[in-house]
Amino acid sequence: MFVHRTLLSALSLAFAFGLTAGPRAALAQTPDATSSAAPAATAAPVKHVVGAQRETFVVGDYLVSPTVYNEATAGHSGRPSYALEAATEFYVQNMPFMVVGYIDDWSFSHPAGPPGNCAFVSGCITNIGHTGQTYRPGENLHDDDEGGGIGYRIAWPRIYAVIAYTGHSETLNYPTSNGVGLGFEKLPDFERLFTVYGYGYYFPDLESKFTVFNRVTGVSTVYTLTYHELRYRGGVMISPFTNHQAFIDIGAMGDGLKAGHAAPGSQTHLAGYVGAGLFTP
């Protein structure tokens, strides 16, 4: 909202100045009110240079048939899921930076049969620390990723090297795993009708702690869970509305989390998506 208000204020001041300063300059240059005025020169069309304008955008996408592999599901898909992303460009001492934030929600089903011994029934989940399996009834679950980053532009137009942060959480009562990573992001160029964009991030160490209480021995054990995560996304934004700063978004996204210490299993998320958003050039 601050960016929108700043842009609107600047445009209003420029418009007001054009209305007041223009007639005054014309009167000052006219020696006689009865003299004929010279024909006004026709302004040359303004050409937008790709990458020259700072941009801010927000986009929301519906994930089409998201597919999830983790300790609770083996590739089930079809649950409603979504992704949100926002980014803005700015300058510090003439150095080009960007900030980005995102939320990804992956919904999936955990199928299970009737309860029983995990050696004979379906629906059991590997315990943290690989201490066996536990039966869990069938239900709908979510995996969520929330994070963001700050980047410095290294190529033209709008290719940034990014330091990123992410937090990965699940509805299995597991703790949120957090970590810092590196990557590259190509922001869209809304000066074009069609613009490609995408990113790739690698997080070498997502970490969290989980306490397990053993009712038999009465002893609590603290486990440190670790994952290595690769995130990626790529697509096309189409802005066909000449009088509106809106666009259509189409692409594919996903991630892979490789299980490290004490984590019950590796994870994969993959989906196509379609959505829409708004931008300010």
C-alpha atoms as a PDB file:
ATOM      1  CA  MET A   1       0.000   0.000   0.000  1.00  0.00           C
ATOM      2  CA  PHE A   2       2.862   2.386   0.716  1.00  0.00           C
ATOM      3  CA  VAL A   3       4.225   1.822  -2.796  1.00  0.00           C
ATOM      4  CA  HIS A   4       0.815   2.470  -4.319  1.00  0.00           C
ATOM      5  CA  ARG A   5       0.337   5.693  -2.320  1.00  0.00           C
ATOM      6  CA  THR A   6       3.816   6.928  -3.219  1.00  0.00           C
ATOM      7  CA  LEU A   7       3.290   6.298  -6.925  1.00  0.00           C
ATOM      8  CA  LEU A   8      -0.125   7.958  -6.924  1.00  0.00           C
ATOM      9  CA  SER A   9       1.221  11.020  -5.071  1.00  0.00           C
ATOM     10  CA  ALA A  10       4.112  11.406  -7.506  1.00  0.00           C
ATOM     11  CA  LEU A  11       1.825  11.094 -10.518  1.00  0.00           C
ATOM     12  CA  SER A  12      -0.614  13.609  -9.053  1.00  0.00           C
ATOM     13  CA  LEU A  13       2.156  16.164  -8.457  1.00  0.00           C
ATOM     14  CA  ALA A  14       3.517  15.694 -11.974  1.00  0.00           C
ATOM     15  CA  PHE A  15       0.064  16.051 -13.482  1.00  0.00           C
ATOM     16  CA  ALA A  16      -0.676  19.198 -11.460  1.00  0.00           C
ATOM     17  CA  PHE A  17       2.665  20.717 -12.406  1.00  0.00           C
ATOM     18  CA  GLY A  18       1.959  20.015 -16.077  1.00  0.00           C
ATOM     19  CA  LEU A  19      -1.399  21.776 -15.876  1.00  0.00           C
ATOM     20  CA  THR A  20      -0.044  24.904 -14.154  1.00  0.00           C
ATOM     21  CA  ALA A  21       3.505  25.312 -15.437  1.00  0.00           C
ATOM     22  CA  GLY A  22       2.642  24.639 -19.075  1.00  0.00           C
ATOM     23  CA  PRO A  23       0.256  27.625 -19.630  1.00  0.00           C
ATOM     24  CA  ARG A  24       2.548  29.967 -17.702  1.00  0.00           C
ATOM     25  CA  ALA A  25       5.508  29.120 -19.904  1.00  0.00           C
ATOM     26  CA  ALA A  26       3.396  29.669 -23.020  1.00  0.00           C
ATOM     27  CA  LEU A  27       2.242  33.131 -21.836  1.00  0.00           C
ATOM     28  CA  ALA A  28       5.774  34.181 -20.974  1.00  0.00           C
ATOM     29  CA  GLN A  29       6.937  33.394 -24.497  1.00  0.00           C
ATOM     30  CA  THR A  30       3.995  35.174 -26.239  1.00  0.00           C
ATOM     31  CA  PRO A  31       4.811  38.915 -26.881  1.00  0.00           C
ATOM     32  CA  ASP A  32       1.350  39.835 -28.165  1.00  0.00           C
ATOM     33  CA  ALA A  33      -1.983  38.380 -27.258  1.00  0.00           C
ATOM     34  CA  THR A  34      -3.109  38.905 -30.861  1.00  0.00           C
ATOM     35  CA  SER A  35      -0.094  37.235 -32.436  1.00  0.00           C
ATOM     36  CA  SER A  36      -0.641  33.843 -33.958  1.00  0.00           C
ATOM     37  CA  ALA A  37       0.635  30.886 -31.948  1.00  0.00           C
ATOM     38  CA  ALA A  38       3.058  28.457 -33.538  1.00  0.00           C
ATOM     39  CA  PRO A  39       1.645  24.978 -34.097  1.00  0.00           C
ATOM     40  CA  ALA A  40       2.418  22.616 -31.222  1.00  0.00           C
ATOM     41  CA  ALA A  41       4.977  19.920 -31.923  1.00  0.00           C
ATOM     42  CA  THR A  42       3.688  16.374 -31.873  1.00  0.00           C
ATOM     43  CA  ALA A  43       5.217  14.390 -29.007  1.00  0.00           C
ATOM     44  CA  ALA A  44       7.122  11.295 -29.994  1.00  0.00           C
ATOM     45  CA  PRO A  45       5.676   8.042 -28.628  1.00  0.00           C
ATOM     46  CA  VAL A  46       7.277   6.909 -25.393  1.00  0.00           C
ATOM     47  CA  LYS A  47       9.088   3.610 -25.696  1.00  0.00           C
ATOM     48  CA  HIS A  48       9.282   1.390 -22.612  1.00  0.00           C
ATOM     49  CA  VAL A  49      12.694  -0.153 -22.136  1.00  0.00           C
ATOM     50  CA  VAL A  50      12.442  -3.650 -20.697  1.00  0.00           C
ATOM     51  CA  GLY A  51      13.866  -3.702 -17.198  1.00  0.00           C
ATOM     52  CA  ALA A  52      14.129   0.084 -16.888  1.00  0.00           C
ATOM     53  CA  GLN A  53      11.037   0.584 -14.721  1.00  0.00           C
ATOM     54  CA  ARG A  54      10.888  -0.596 -11.140  1.00  0.00           C
ATOM     55  CA  GLU A  55       8.015  -3.000 -10.592  1.00  0.00           C
ATOM     56  CA  THR A  56       5.843  -4.280  -7.766  1.00  0.00           C
ATOM     57  CA  PHE A  57       3.424  -7.183  -8.184  1.00  0.00           C
ATOM     58  CA  VAL A  58       1.271  -9.648  -6.270  1.00  0.00           C
ATOM     59  CA  VAL A  59      -0.118 -12.892  -7.699  1.00  0.00           C
ATOM     60  CA  GLY A  60      -2.356 -15.704  -6.509  1.00  0.00           C
ATOM     61  CA  ASP A  61      -2.457 -19.127  -8.179  1.00  0.00           C
ATOM     62  CA  TYR A  62      -4.634 -22.207  -7.998  1.00  0.00           C
ATOM     63  CA  LEU A  63      -2.570 -25.397  -8.087  1.00  0.00           C
ATOM     64  CA  VAL A  64      -3.874 -27.844 -10.676  1.00  0.00           C
ATOM     65  CA  SER A  65      -3.860 -31.490  -9.494  1.00  0.00           C
ATOM     66  CA  PRO A  66      -1.039 -31.088  -6.956  1.00  0.00           C
ATOM     67  CA  THR A  67       0.891 -34.298  -6.385  1.00  0.00           C
ATOM     68  CA  VAL A  68       2.464 -34.966  -2.978  1.00  0.00           C
ATOM     69  CA  TYR A  69       4.850 -37.684  -1.824  1.00  0.00           C
ATOM     70  CA  ASN A  70       5.737 -37.858   1.875  1.00  0.00           C
ATOM     71  CA  GLU A  71       5.440 -40.133   4.892  1.00  0.00           C
ATOM     72  CA  ALA A  72       1.613 -39.815   4.808  1.00  0.00           C
ATOM     73  CA  THR A  73       0.869 -40.185   1.096  1.00  0.00           C
ATOM     74  CA  ALA A  74       2.346 -41.886  -1.966  1.00  0.00           C
ATOM     75  CA  GLY A  75       1.483 -39.446  -4.737  1.00  0.00           C
ATOM     76  CA  HIS A  76      -2.152 -38.644  -4.018  1.00  0.00           C
ATOM     77  CA  SER A  77      -3.455 -35.489  -5.689  1.00  0.00           C
ATOM     78  CA  GLY A  78      -6.556 -33.473  -6.423  1.00  0.00           C
ATOM     79  CA  ARG A  79      -7.054 -31.536  -3.184  1.00  0.00           C
ATOM     80  CA  PRO A  80      -7.574 -27.722  -3.577  1.00  0.00           C
ATOM     81  CA  SER A  81      -4.220 -25.975  -3.067  1.00  0.00           C
ATOM     82  CA  TYR A  82      -2.844 -22.506  -3.716  1.00  0.00           C
ATOM     83  CA  ALA A  83       0.282 -20.349  -3.960  1.00  0.00           C
ATOM     84  CA  LEU A  84       0.775 -16.626  -3.255  1.00  0.00           C
ATOM     85  CA  GLU A  85       3.765 -14.470  -4.161  1.00  0.00           C
ATOM     86  CA  ALA A  86       4.628 -10.756  -3.998  1.00  0.00           C
ATOM     87  CA  ALA A  87       7.790  -8.904  -5.002  1.00  0.00           C
ATOM     88  CA  THR A  88       9.074  -5.364  -5.424  1.00  0.00           C
ATOM     89  CA  GLU A  89      12.206  -3.721  -6.826  1.00  0.00           C
ATOM     90  CA  PHE A  90      14.022  -0.808  -5.173  1.00  0.00           C
ATOM     91  CA  TYR A  91      17.348   1.022  -5.212  1.00  0.00           C
ATOM     92  CA  VAL A  92      19.877   1.758  -2.461  1.00  0.00           C
ATOM     93  CA  GLN A  93      22.592   4.219  -3.530  1.00  0.00           C
ATOM     94  CA  ASN A  94      21.762   3.395  -7.171  1.00  0.00           C
ATOM     95  CA  MET A  95      22.234  -0.330  -6.493  1.00  0.00           C
ATOM     96  CA  PRO A  96      19.284  -2.479  -7.711  1.00  0.00           C
ATOM     97  CA  PHE A  97      17.647  -4.773  -5.141  1.00  0.00           C
ATOM     98  CA  MET A  98      14.427  -6.741  -4.820  1.00  0.00           C
ATOM     99  CA  VAL A  99      12.467  -8.383  -2.006  1.00  0.00           C
ATOM    100  CA  VAL A 100      10.076 -11.297  -2.436  1.00  0.00           C
ATOM    101  CA  GLY A 101       7.691 -13.229  -0.201  1.00  0.00           C
ATOM    102  CA  TYR A 102       5.645 -16.361  -0.817  1.00  0.00           C
ATOM    103  CA  ILE A 103       3.149 -18.796   0.727  1.00  0.00           C
ATOM    104  CA  ASP A 104       2.573 -22.273  -0.740  1.00  0.00           C
ATOM    105  CA  ASP A 105      -0.207 -24.516   0.578  1.00  0.00           C
ATOM    106  CA  TRP A 106      -0.221 -28.164  -0.551  1.00  0.00           C
ATOM    107  CA  SER A 107      -3.365 -30.112   0.363  1.00  0.00           C
ATOM    108  CA  PHE A 108      -3.504 -33.896   0.087  1.00  0.00           C
ATOM    109  CA  SER A 109      -5.294 -36.962   1.402  1.00  0.00           C
ATOM    110  CA  HIS A 110      -3.870 -39.564   3.761  1.00  0.00           C
ATOM    111  CA  PRO A 111      -5.652 -42.850   2.987  1.00  0.00           C
ATOM    112  CA  ALA A 112      -5.939 -45.480   5.697  1.00  0.00           C
ATOM    113  CA  GLY A 113      -7.748 -48.709   6.365  1.00  0.00           C
ATOM    114  CA  PRO A 114      -9.159 -49.856   9.726  1.00  0.00           C
ATOM    115  CA  PRO A 115      -6.817 -49.554  12.719  1.00  0.00           C
ATOM    116  CA  GLY A 116      -4.604 -52.453  13.646  1.00  0.00           C
ATOM    117  CA  ASN A 117      -1.078 -53.754  13.692  1.00  0.00           C
ATOM    118  CA  CYS A 118       1.102 -51.778  11.247  1.00  0.00           C
ATOM    119  CA  ALA A 119       2.498 -55.012   9.856  1.00  0.00           C
ATOM    120  CA  PHE A 120      -0.940 -55.858   8.432  1.00  0.00           C
ATOM    121  CA  VAL A 121      -2.907 -52.596   7.895  1.00  0.00           C
ATOM    122  CA  SER A 122      -2.494 -49.476   5.745  1.00  0.00           C
ATOM    123  CA  GLY A 123      -2.308 -45.936   7.090  1.00  0.00           C
ATOM    124  CA  CYS A 124       0.810 -46.232   9.263  1.00  0.00           C
ATOM    125  CA  ILE A 125       3.422 -43.459   9.341  1.00  0.00           C
ATOM    126  CA  THR A 126       7.133 -43.792  10.083  1.00  0.00           C
ATOM    127  CA  ASN A 127       8.023 -42.276  13.445  1.00  0.00           C
ATOM    128  CA  ILE A 128      10.541 -39.485  13.880  1.00  0.00           C
ATOM    129  CA  GLY A 129      13.915 -41.030  14.612  1.00  0.00           C
ATOM    130  CA  HIS A 130      12.845 -44.181  12.713  1.00  0.00           C
ATOM    131  CA  THR A 131      11.694 -45.868  15.914  1.00  0.00           C
ATOM    132  CA  GLY A 132       8.930 -47.829  14.174  1.00  0.00           C
ATOM    133  CA  GLN A 133       5.525 -46.923  12.755  1.00  0.00           C
ATOM    134  CA  THR A 134       2.275 -45.532  14.164  1.00  0.00           C
ATOM    135  CA  TYR A 135      -1.223 -45.944  12.753  1.00  0.00           C
ATOM    136  CA  ARG A 136      -2.967 -42.706  11.722  1.00  0.00           C
ATOM    137  CA  PRO A 137      -6.612 -42.579  10.542  1.00  0.00           C
ATOM    138  CA  GLY A 138      -7.399 -41.367   7.040  1.00  0.00           C
ATOM    139  CA  GLU A 139      -7.784 -37.584   6.769  1.00  0.00           C
ATOM    140  CA  ASN A 140      -6.972 -34.516   4.695  1.00  0.00           C
ATOM    141  CA  LEU A 141      -3.609 -32.902   5.484  1.00  0.00           C
ATOM    142  CA  HIS A 142      -1.524 -29.885   4.473  1.00  0.00           C
ATOM    143  CA  ASP A 143       2.122 -29.121   3.848  1.00  0.00           C
ATOM    144  CA  ASP A 144       2.956 -25.407   3.938  1.00  0.00           C
ATOM    145  CA  ASP A 145       5.987 -23.367   2.912  1.00  0.00           C
ATOM    146  CA  GLU A 146       6.314 -19.715   3.882  1.00  0.00           C
ATOM    147  CA  GLY A 147       9.301 -17.487   3.310  1.00  0.00           C
ATOM    148  CA  GLY A 148      10.971 -14.781   1.313  1.00  0.00           C
ATOM    149  CA  GLY A 149      14.269 -13.299   0.304  1.00  0.00           C
ATOM    150  CA  ILE A 150      16.271 -10.279  -0.742  1.00  0.00           C
ATOM    151  CA  GLY A 151      18.214 -10.170  -3.984  1.00  0.00           C
ATOM    152  CA  TYR A 152      20.701  -8.091  -5.932  1.00  0.00           C
ATOM    153  CA  ARG A 153      20.362  -7.717  -9.701  1.00  0.00           C
ATOM    154  CA  ILE A 154      23.232  -9.407 -11.518  1.00  0.00           C
ATOM    155  CA  ALA A 155      21.953  -9.432 -15.119  1.00  0.00           C
ATOM    156  CA  TRP A 156      19.604  -7.487 -17.364  1.00  0.00           C
ATOM    157  CA  PRO A 157      16.696  -7.530 -17.250  1.00  0.00           C
ATOM    158  CA  ARG A 158      15.636  -8.453 -13.714  1.00  0.00           C
ATOM    159  CA  ILE A 159      17.804 -11.469 -12.922  1.00  0.00           C
ATOM    160  CA  TYR A 160      18.704 -11.494  -9.230  1.00  0.00           C
ATOM    161  CA  ALA A 161      20.974 -13.467  -6.931  1.00  0.00           C
ATOM    162  CA  VAL A 162      18.897 -14.054  -3.796  1.00  0.00           C
ATOM    163  CA  ILE A 163      19.471 -14.901  -0.147  1.00  0.00           C
ATOM    164  CA  ALA A 164      16.278 -16.642   0.946  1.00  0.00           C
ATOM    165  CA  TYR A 165      14.581 -17.953   4.081  1.00  0.00           C
ATOM    166  CA  THR A 166      11.898 -20.625   4.302  1.00  0.00           C
ATOM    167  CA  GLY A 167       9.830 -22.433   6.896  1.00  0.00           C
ATOM    168  CA  HIS A 168       8.285 -25.838   6.110  1.00  0.00           C
ATOM    169  CA  SER A 169       5.389 -27.061   8.277  1.00  0.00           C
ATOM    170  CA  GLU A 170       3.026 -30.033   8.227  1.00  0.00           C
ATOM    171  CA  THR A 171      -0.306 -30.954   9.840  1.00  0.00           C
ATOM    172  CA  LEU A 172       1.197 -34.091  11.373  1.00  0.00           C
ATOM    173  CA  ASN A 173       2.024 -32.231  14.600  1.00  0.00           C
ATOM    174  CA  TYR A 174       5.642 -32.018  13.487  1.00  0.00           C
ATOM    175  CA  PRO A 175       7.608 -28.816  14.197  1.00  0.00           C
ATOM    176  CA  THR A 176       8.278 -26.204  11.511  1.00  0.00           C
ATOM    177  CA  SER A 177      11.664 -26.705   9.860  1.00  0.00           C
ATOM    178  CA  ASN A 178      13.481 -23.437   9.115  1.00  0.00           C
ATOM    179  CA  GLY A 179      16.565 -22.565   7.121  1.00  0.00           C
ATOM    180  CA  VAL A 180      18.451 -20.097   4.940  1.00  0.00           C
ATOM    181  CA  GLY A 181      19.387 -20.744   1.321  1.00  0.00           C
ATOM    182  CA  LEU A 182      20.663 -19.240  -1.919  1.00  0.00           C
ATOM    183  CA  GLY A 183      19.221 -19.028  -5.393  1.00  0.00           C
ATOM    184  CA  PHE A 184      18.370 -17.042  -8.484  1.00  0.00           C
ATOM    185  CA  GLU A 185      15.127 -15.367  -9.508  1.00  0.00           C
ATOM    186  CA  LYS A 186      14.043 -13.891 -12.833  1.00  0.00           C
ATOM    187  CA  LEU A 187      11.273 -11.350 -12.238  1.00  0.00           C
ATOM    188  CA  PRO A 188       8.634 -10.740 -14.934  1.00  0.00           C
ATOM    189  CA  ASP A 189       8.911  -7.790 -17.353  1.00  0.00           C
ATOM    190  CA  PHE A 190       5.482  -6.183 -17.566  1.00  0.00           C
ATOM    191  CA  GLU A 191       6.615  -3.927 -20.411  1.00  0.00           C
ATOM    192  CA  ARG A 192       5.916  -6.979 -22.596  1.00  0.00           C
ATOM    193  CA  LEU A 193       2.617  -8.636 -23.455  1.00  0.00           C
ATOM    194  CA  PHE A 194       4.141 -12.047 -22.646  1.00  0.00           C
ATOM    195  CA  THR A 195       6.904 -12.319 -20.049  1.00  0.00           C
ATOM    196  CA  VAL A 196       8.666 -15.349 -18.623  1.00  0.00           C
ATOM    197  CA  TYR A 197       9.853 -15.617 -15.032  1.00  0.00           C
ATOM    198  CA  GLY A 198      11.072 -18.207 -12.596  1.00  0.00           C
ATOM    199  CA  TYR A 199      13.284 -19.082  -9.658  1.00  0.00           C
ATOM    200  CA  GLY A 200      15.384 -21.839  -8.172  1.00  0.00           C
ATOM    201  CA  TYR A 201      16.456 -21.962  -4.500  1.00  0.00           C
ATOM    202  CA  TYR A 202      18.494 -24.456  -2.537  1.00  0.00           C
ATOM    203  CA  PHE A 203      18.285 -24.720   1.267  1.00  0.00           C
ATOM    204  CA  PRO A 204      21.091 -26.969   2.546  1.00  0.00           C
ATOM    205  CA  ASP A 205      19.834 -27.268   6.113  1.00  0.00           C
ATOM    206  CA  LEU A 206      16.221 -26.973   7.264  1.00  0.00           C
ATOM    207  CA  GLU A 207      16.192 -27.810  10.949  1.00  0.00           C
ATOM    208  CA  SER A 208      13.720 -28.285  13.804  1.00  0.00           C
ATOM    209  CA  LYS A 209      13.490 -30.078  17.138  1.00  0.00           C
ATOM    210  CA  PHE A 210      10.859 -32.572  18.233  1.00  0.00           C
ATOM    211  CA  THR A 211      10.342 -34.104  21.683  1.00  0.00           C
ATOM    212  CA  VAL A 212       9.025 -37.675  21.988  1.00  0.00           C
ATOM    213  CA  PHE A 213       7.800 -38.982  25.358  1.00  0.00           C
ATOM    214  CA  ASN A 214       8.040 -42.725  25.938  1.00  0.00           C
ATOM    215  CA  ARG A 215       5.120 -43.753  28.142  1.00  0.00           C
ATOM    216  CA  VAL A 216       6.724 -47.075  29.016  1.00  0.00           C
ATOM    217  CA  THR A 217      10.087 -45.755  30.227  1.00  0.00           C
ATOM    218  CA  GLY A 218       8.906 -42.265  31.209  1.00  0.00           C
ATOM    219  CA  VAL A 219      11.837 -40.734  29.340  1.00  0.00           C
ATOM    220  CA  SER A 220      11.604 -37.833  26.845  1.00  0.00           C
ATOM    221  CA  THR A 221      13.918 -37.811  23.831  1.00  0.00           C
ATOM    222  CA  VAL A 222      14.661 -34.655  21.833  1.00  0.00           C
ATOM    223  CA  TYR A 223      15.256 -35.261  18.117  1.00  0.00           C
ATOM    224  CA  THR A 224      16.793 -32.769  15.692  1.00  0.00           C
ATOM    225  CA  LEU A 225      15.147 -33.119  12.280  1.00  0.00           C
ATOM    226  CA  THR A 226      16.971 -31.942   9.163  1.00  0.00           C
ATOM    227  CA  TYR A 227      16.038 -31.659   5.484  1.00  0.00           C
ATOM    228  CA  HIS A 228      17.785 -30.419   2.324  1.00  0.00           C
ATOM    229  CA  GLU A 229      15.305 -28.575   0.109  1.00  0.00           C
ATOM    230  CA  LEU A 230      15.292 -27.563  -3.562  1.00  0.00           C
ATOM    231  CA  ARG A 231      12.486 -25.195  -4.649  1.00  0.00           C
ATOM    232  CA  TYR A 232      11.684 -24.200  -8.217  1.00  0.00           C
ATOM    233  CA  ARG A 233       9.030 -22.361 -10.204  1.00  0.00           C
ATOM    234  CA  GLY A 234       8.655 -21.113 -13.770  1.00  0.00           C
ATOM    235  CA  GLY A 235       5.925 -19.702 -15.952  1.00  0.00           C
ATOM    236  CA  VAL A 236       4.509 -17.020 -18.199  1.00  0.00           C
ATOM    237  CA  MET A 237       2.615 -13.882 -17.204  1.00  0.00           C
ATOM    238  CA  ILE A 238       0.296 -12.354 -19.810  1.00  0.00           C
ATOM    239  CA  SER A 239      -0.896  -8.735 -19.456  1.00  0.00           C
ATOM    240  CA  PRO A 240      -3.356  -8.139 -22.339  1.00  0.00           C
ATOM    241  CA  PHE A 241      -5.357  -5.393 -20.619  1.00  0.00           C
ATOM    242  CA  THR A 242      -3.996  -2.087 -21.967  1.00  0.00           C
ATOM    243  CA  ASN A 243      -6.021   0.022 -19.531  1.00  0.00           C
ATOM    244  CA  HIS A 244      -5.565  -2.174 -16.469  1.00  0.00           C
ATOM    245  CA  GLN A 245      -2.454  -3.267 -14.596  1.00  0.00           C
ATOM    246  CA  ALA A 246      -3.549  -6.884 -14.327  1.00  0.00           C
ATOM    247  CA  PHE A 247      -2.153 -10.118 -15.697  1.00  0.00           C
ATOM    248  CA  ILE A 248      -2.834 -13.836 -16.116  1.00  0.00           C
ATOM    249  CA  ASP A 249      -0.340 -16.343 -14.692  1.00  0.00           C
ATOM    250  CA  ILE A 250       0.381 -19.867 -15.999  1.00  0.00           C
ATOM    251  CA  GLY A 251       3.222 -22.218 -15.026  1.00  0.00           C
ATOM    252  CA  ALA A 252       4.531 -25.113 -12.960  1.00  0.00           C
ATOM    253  CA  MET A 253       6.189 -25.345  -9.554  1.00  0.00           C
ATOM    254  CA  GLY A 254       7.476 -27.829  -7.057  1.00  0.00           C
ATOM    255  CA  ASP A 255      10.072 -28.796  -4.483  1.00  0.00           C
ATOM    256  CA  GLY A 256      11.986 -31.741  -3.137  1.00  0.00           C
ATOM    257  CA  LEU A 257      12.964 -32.244   0.513  1.00  0.00           C
ATOM    258  CA  LYS A 258      15.582 -34.905   1.131  1.00  0.00           C
ATOM    259  CA  ALA A 259      15.362 -36.386   4.608  1.00  0.00           C
ATOM    260  CA  GLY A 260      18.391 -35.880   6.797  1.00  0.00           C
ATOM    261  CA  HIS A 261      18.922 -36.658  10.480  1.00  0.00           C
ATOM    262  CA  ALA A 262      15.883 -38.184  12.267  1.00  0.00           C
ATOM    263  CA  ALA A 263      13.402 -37.039   9.588  1.00  0.00           C
ATOM    264  CA  PRO A 264      10.807 -39.751   8.898  1.00  0.00           C
ATOM    265  CA  GLY A 265      11.068 -39.527   5.091  1.00  0.00           C
ATOM    266  CA  SER A 266      11.806 -37.444   2.023  1.00  0.00           C
ATOM    267  CA  GLN A 267       9.104 -35.317   0.370  1.00  0.00           C
ATOM    268  CA  THR A 268       8.162 -34.138  -3.118  1.00  0.00           C
ATOM    269  CA  HIS A 269       5.540 -31.588  -4.197  1.00  0.00           C
ATOM    270  CA  LEU A 270       4.666 -30.876  -7.838  1.00  0.00           C
ATOM    271  CA  ALA A 271       1.843 -29.024  -9.633  1.00  0.00           C
ATOM    272  CA  GLY A 272       0.875 -26.880 -12.573  1.00  0.00           C
ATOM    273  CA  TYR A 273      -0.972 -23.668 -11.777  1.00  0.00           C
ATOM    274  CA  VAL A 274      -3.108 -20.879 -13.179  1.00  0.00           C
ATOM    275  CA  GLY A 275      -3.893 -17.567 -11.554  1.00  0.00           C
ATOM    276  CA  ALA A 276      -4.001 -13.777 -11.805  1.00  0.00           C
ATOM    277  CA  GLY A 277      -2.356 -10.751 -10.272  1.00  0.00           C
ATOM    278  CA  LEU A 278      -1.802  -7.002 -10.232  1.00  0.00           C
ATOM    279  CA  PHE A 279       1.334  -4.943 -10.904  1.00  0.00           C
ATOM    280  CA  THR A 280       2.570  -1.365 -10.779  1.00  0.00           C
ATOM    281  CA  PRO A 281       5.264  -0.320 -13.284  1.00  0.00           C
END
